[in-house]
Every structure is written in C-alpha cells, then in structure tokens.
C-alpha atoms as a PDB file:
ATOM      1  CA  UNK A   1     -56.078  28.464 -16.578  1.00  0.00           C
ATOM      2  CA  UNK A   2     -53.466  30.595 -18.301  1.00  0.00           C
ATOM      3  CA  UNK A   3     -49.743  30.227 -17.850  1.00  0.00           C
ATOM      4  CA  UNK A   4     -47.698  32.918 -16.111  1.00  0.00           C
ATOM      5  CA  UNK A   5     -45.842  35.494 -18.192  1.00  0.00           C
ATOM      6  CA  UNK A   6     -42.380  36.736 -17.283  1.00  0.00           C
ATOM      7  CA  UNK A   7     -41.646  40.161 -18.764  1.00  0.00           C
ATOM      8  CA  UNK A   8     -37.930  40.945 -18.987  1.00  0.00           C
ATOM      9  CA  UNK A   9     -37.408  44.702 -19.317  1.00  0.00           C
ATOM     10  CA  UNK A  10     -33.825  45.212 -20.514  1.00  0.00           C
ATOM     11  CA  UNK A  11     -31.523  47.464 -22.544  1.00  0.00           C
ATOM     12  CA  UNK A  12     -28.681  46.468 -24.876  1.00  0.00           C
ATOM     13  CA  UNK A  13     -26.282  48.862 -23.111  1.00  0.00           C
ATOM     14  CA  UNK A  14     -27.023  47.391 -19.655  1.00  0.00           C
ATOM     15  CA  UNK A  15     -24.316  45.100 -18.206  1.00  0.00           C
ATOM     16  CA  UNK A  16     -26.552  43.452 -15.584  1.00  0.00           C
ATOM     17  CA  UNK A  17     -29.132  42.807 -18.335  1.00  0.00           C
ATOM     18  CA  UNK A  18     -26.511  40.802 -20.221  1.00  0.00           C
ATOM     19  CA  UNK A  19     -26.025  38.664 -17.090  1.00  0.00           C
ATOM     20  CA  UNK A  20     -29.792  38.180 -16.719  1.00  0.00           C
ATOM     21  CA  UNK A  21     -30.176  36.857 -20.294  1.00  0.00           C
ATOM     22  CA  UNK A  22     -28.470  33.458 -19.798  1.00  0.00           C
ATOM     23  CA  UNK A  23     -30.342  32.988 -16.505  1.00  0.00           C
ATOM     24  CA  UNK A  24     -33.634  33.363 -18.370  1.00  0.00           C
ATOM     25  CA  UNK A  25     -32.450  30.978 -21.090  1.00  0.00           C
ATOM     26  CA  UNK A  26     -31.728  28.362 -18.404  1.00  0.00           C
ATOM     27  CA  UNK A  27     -35.119  29.049 -16.828  1.00  0.00           C
ATOM     28  CA  UNK A  28     -36.797  28.470 -20.206  1.00  0.00           C
ATOM     29  CA  UNK A  29     -35.049  25.086 -20.494  1.00  0.00           C
ATOM     30  CA  UNK A  30     -36.147  24.128 -16.973  1.00  0.00           C
ATOM     31  CA  UNK A  31     -39.748  25.374 -17.094  1.00  0.00           C
ATOM     32  CA  UNK A  32     -40.415  24.844 -20.816  1.00  0.00           C
ATOM     33  CA  UNK A  33     -43.822  25.931 -22.048  1.00  0.00           C
ATOM     34  CA  UNK A  34     -45.221  26.296 -18.530  1.00  0.00           C
ATOM     35  CA  UNK A  35     -44.048  29.927 -18.535  1.00  0.00           C
ATOM     36  CA  UNK A  36     -44.048  32.485 -21.338  1.00  0.00           C
ATOM     37  CA  UNK A  37     -40.961  34.714 -21.325  1.00  0.00           C
ATOM     38  CA  UNK A  38     -41.103  38.028 -23.190  1.00  0.00           C
ATOM     39  CA  UNK A  39     -38.062  40.256 -23.636  1.00  0.00           C
ATOM     40  CA  UNK A  40     -38.859  43.975 -23.862  1.00  0.00           C
ATOM     41  CA  UNK A  41     -36.160  46.460 -24.876  1.00  0.00           C
ATOM     42  CA  UNK A  42     -36.975  49.636 -22.922  1.00  0.00           C
ATOM     43  CA  UNK A  43     -35.317  51.845 -25.551  1.00  0.00           C
ATOM     44  CA  UNK A  44     -37.580  50.458 -28.304  1.00  0.00           C
ATOM     45  CA  UNK A  45     -40.753  50.100 -26.186  1.00  0.00           C
ATOM     46  CA  UNK A  46     -40.728  53.163 -23.941  1.00  0.00           C
ATOM     47  CA  UNK A  47     -44.539  53.264 -23.751  1.00  0.00           C
ATOM     48  CA  UNK A  48     -44.658  49.752 -22.311  1.00  0.00           C
ATOM     49  CA  UNK A  49     -41.856  50.552 -19.854  1.00  0.00           C
ATOM     50  CA  UNK A  50     -43.831  53.620 -18.728  1.00  0.00           C
ATOM     51  CA  UNK A  51     -47.020  51.558 -18.381  1.00  0.00           C
ATOM     52  CA  UNK A  52     -45.252  49.238 -15.936  1.00  0.00           C
ATOM     53  CA  UNK A  53     -43.356  52.056 -14.199  1.00  0.00           C
ATOM     54  CA  UNK A  54     -39.929  50.676 -15.117  1.00  0.00           C
ATOM     55  CA  UNK A  55     -37.165  52.841 -13.640  1.00  0.00           C
ATOM     56  CA  UNK A  56     -34.337  50.276 -13.407  1.00  0.00           C
ATOM     57  CA  UNK A  57     -33.096  47.637 -15.847  1.00  0.00           C
ATOM     58  CA  UNK A  58     -33.185  44.761 -15.640  1.00  0.00           C
ATOM     59  CA  UNK A  59     -36.658  44.572 -14.171  1.00  0.00           C
ATOM     60  CA  UNK A  60     -38.646  41.346 -14.292  1.00  0.00           C
ATOM     61  CA  UNK A  61     -42.432  41.405 -13.988  1.00  0.00           C
ATOM     62  CA  UNK A  62     -44.383  38.202 -13.338  1.00  0.00           C
ATOM     63  CA  UNK A  63     -47.999  38.302 -14.519  1.00  0.00           C
ATOM     64  CA  UNK A  64     -50.775  35.757 -14.245  1.00  0.00           C
ATOM     65  CA  UNK A  65     -54.207  36.198 -15.824  1.00  0.00           C
ATOM     66  CA  UNK A  66     -53.304  39.794 -16.734  1.00  0.00           C
ATOM     67  CA  UNK A  67     -52.424  40.783 -13.163  1.00  0.00           C
ATOM     68  CA  UNK A  68     -48.966  41.714 -11.905  1.00  0.00           C
ATOM     69  CA  UNK A  69     -47.937  39.135  -9.305  1.00  0.00           C
ATOM     70  CA  UNK A  70     -44.393  40.314  -8.610  1.00  0.00           C
ATOM     71  CA  UNK A  71     -41.825  42.867  -9.770  1.00  0.00           C
ATOM     72  CA  UNK A  72     -38.096  42.225  -9.340  1.00  0.00           C
ATOM     73  CA  UNK A  73     -35.360  44.786  -9.984  1.00  0.00           C
ATOM     74  CA  UNK A  74     -31.766  43.815 -10.739  1.00  0.00           C
ATOM     75  CA  UNK A  75     -30.305  40.446 -11.682  1.00  0.00           C
ATOM     76  CA  UNK A  76     -32.489  37.659 -10.299  1.00  0.00           C
ATOM     77  CA  UNK A  77     -31.353  34.034  -9.957  1.00  0.00           C
ATOM     78  CA  UNK A  78     -33.050  31.141 -11.723  1.00  0.00           C
ATOM     79  CA  UNK A  79     -33.737  29.553  -8.329  1.00  0.00           C
ATOM     80  CA  UNK A  80     -35.607  32.635  -7.115  1.00  0.00           C
ATOM     81  CA  UNK A  81     -37.603  32.839 -10.325  1.00  0.00           C
ATOM     82  CA  UNK A  82     -38.485  29.139 -10.206  1.00  0.00           C
ATOM     83  CA  UNK A  83     -39.642  29.446  -6.599  1.00  0.00           C
ATOM     84  CA  UNK A  84     -41.994  32.270  -7.621  1.00  0.00           C
ATOM     85  CA  UNK A  85     -43.230  30.651 -10.849  1.00  0.00           C
ATOM     86  CA  UNK A  86     -43.756  27.011  -9.842  1.00  0.00           C
ATOM     87  CA  UNK A  87     -46.769  27.760  -7.585  1.00  0.00           C
ATOM     88  CA  UNK A  88     -48.334  29.670 -10.494  1.00  0.00           C
ATOM     89  CA  UNK A  89     -48.193  26.676 -12.849  1.00  0.00           C
ATOM     90  CA  UNK A  90     -49.341  23.940 -10.457  1.00  0.00           C
END
C-alpha cells in the first residue's frame, strides 16, 4: 500500500503560502515518512497547476494511489491535515 502524497501548490509572492510553509514543516516532523510532501511553485510549474485546476494559492491536494482524495484552498492547520492523513496511513 502506498503512502499518501500532499501536494503544496504555492508561490513565492504569496503571503498565506509563507504561513503554510512552517505548518507543513511541523506536519513532516509529526508524520515523518508516512506522508510524502511535495512543494510545487505554480509560477515554475504552470502545467501541473493547470492539470490540477489550481486557481488559488496556497492549495493543498491530498492523493493516495494516484487519486485525489481532498483539495484544500487557503492556509490549513496541521491538526486538520493530520485528521485527513492519519486514516490514509493506518
């Protein structure tokens, strides 16, 4: 069984994205290798942002086995992310 992937679509110029960064760092410390976190700069990877229909940054996409499980727009707390990810790793 594969581990869930958290895609963080962000931009360097985005204030809320800068707030989301430390939350994801804390999440990585808490969840360790159970979750793969990938940061995707929408300005550098426009084709990927278009593929996922990203219109707002930050947007977090949770995938499992190649399928989108959840999409979250705006700054999302570590607690919310953990509550969504824990069932996917157990």
